[in-house]
Protein backbone atom coordinates (compact mmCIF):
# COMPACT_ATOMS: atom_id res chain seq x y z
CA MET A 1 20.00 18.98 -5.25
CA GLN A 2 21.16 19.76 -8.75
CA PRO A 3 19.29 18.46 -11.84
CA ASP A 4 21.97 15.90 -12.71
CA ASP A 5 22.30 14.51 -9.17
CA ASN A 6 20.88 11.03 -8.67
CA LEU A 7 17.49 11.11 -7.01
CA CYS A 8 16.94 7.35 -7.08
CA LEU A 9 20.26 6.02 -5.84
CA CYS A 10 19.32 2.37 -6.42
CA PHE A 11 18.81 2.82 -10.15
CA HIS A 12 20.89 5.98 -10.72
CA ILE A 13 17.97 8.08 -11.93
CA THR A 14 18.63 11.79 -11.91
CA LYS A 15 16.33 14.54 -10.75
CA ARG A 16 16.34 15.81 -14.36
CA LYS A 17 15.04 12.47 -15.69
CA VAL A 18 12.25 12.43 -13.13
CA MET A 19 11.27 16.05 -13.81
CA ASN A 20 11.25 15.44 -17.57
CA TYR A 21 9.19 12.29 -17.09
CA ILE A 22 6.63 14.20 -15.02
CA ARG A 23 6.55 17.07 -17.53
CA ILE A 24 6.16 14.85 -20.61
CA GLU A 25 4.13 11.89 -19.34
CA LYS A 26 1.96 13.83 -16.86
CA PRO A 27 1.39 10.95 -14.41
CA ARG A 28 -1.91 11.10 -12.53
CA ARG A 29 -0.40 9.64 -9.34
CA ALA A 30 3.05 9.89 -7.82
CA SER A 31 3.32 6.10 -7.86
CA GLN A 32 3.32 6.20 -11.67
CA ILE A 33 6.78 7.78 -11.54
CA SER A 34 8.02 4.21 -11.03
CA GLU A 35 7.56 3.87 -14.79
CA CYS A 36 10.54 6.22 -15.13
CA PHE A 37 13.24 3.56 -15.19
CA GLY A 38 11.94 2.03 -11.93
CA ALA A 39 12.37 5.14 -9.77
CA GLY A 40 11.28 4.46 -6.21
CA THR A 41 11.03 0.69 -6.57
CA GLY A 42 14.34 -0.22 -4.92
CA CYS A 43 14.95 0.58 -1.27
CA GLY A 44 12.12 3.13 -1.08
CA TRP A 45 14.26 6.01 0.21
CA CYS A 46 13.45 8.36 -2.66
CA ARG A 47 9.66 7.92 -2.58
CA PRO A 48 8.95 10.98 -0.39
CA PHE A 49 11.17 13.07 -2.67
CA LEU A 50 9.41 11.74 -5.78
CA GLN A 51 6.12 12.68 -4.12
CA ARG A 52 7.42 16.22 -3.55
CA LEU A 53 8.43 16.59 -7.19
CA PHE A 54 5.06 15.23 -8.29
CA GLU A 55 3.23 17.71 -6.07
CA GLN A 56 5.43 20.55 -7.30
CA ALA A 57 4.40 19.78 -10.87
CA SER A 58 0.68 19.89 -10.06
CA PRO A 59 -1.20 23.09 -10.96
CA SER A 60 -1.47 24.04 -7.28
CA GLY A 61 2.09 22.94 -6.46
CA LYS A 62 4.89 24.99 -5.02
CA ASN A 63 7.45 26.52 -7.33
CA ASN A 64 10.39 24.56 -5.97
CA ALA A 65 10.44 21.25 -4.14
CA GLU A 66 12.99 21.52 -1.35
CA LEU A 67 15.47 18.69 -1.62
CA PRO A 68 18.71 18.33 0.33
CA ASP A 69 22.02 18.77 -1.46
CA ARG A 70 23.72 15.66 -2.87
CA LYS A 71 26.03 15.09 0.09
CA GLU A 72 23.28 15.44 2.70
CA TYR A 73 20.92 13.31 0.59
CA SER A 74 23.46 10.46 0.44
CA SER A 75 24.18 10.75 4.15
CA LEU A 76 20.47 10.61 5.04
CA ARG A 77 19.99 7.60 2.77
CA LYS A 78 22.88 5.78 4.45
CA LYS A 79 21.20 6.30 7.82
CA TYR A 80 17.91 5.08 6.31
CA MET A 81 19.56 1.92 4.96
CA ASP A 82 21.39 1.26 8.24
CA GLU A 83 18.11 1.55 10.14
CA LYS A 84 16.38 -0.71 7.62
CA LYS A 85 19.08 -3.36 8.08
CA ARG A 86 18.85 -3.03 11.86
CA GLN A 87 15.07 -3.53 11.72
CA GLN A 88 15.48 -6.66 9.58
CA LYS A 89 17.79 -8.19 12.18
CA LEU A 90 15.19 -7.83 14.93
């Protein structure tokens, strides 16, 4: 995933915005990233990825959070949303 690709597809929040928010605001918990224009508060798909970026930014974090490329990310989210809709119908 490139920095200007949308990480939160519900609210069109880019990976760059999230990374800058984490760098500047230094949230104590991953859930506080929701204060970055509502990231993670829509469908919930991006929450695990926000968690990865949060962990990457911690002092003991990995150098690079592995995120799928934009096309794969969108495809995986579509499957997630289809499954979510199917579960709601049950």
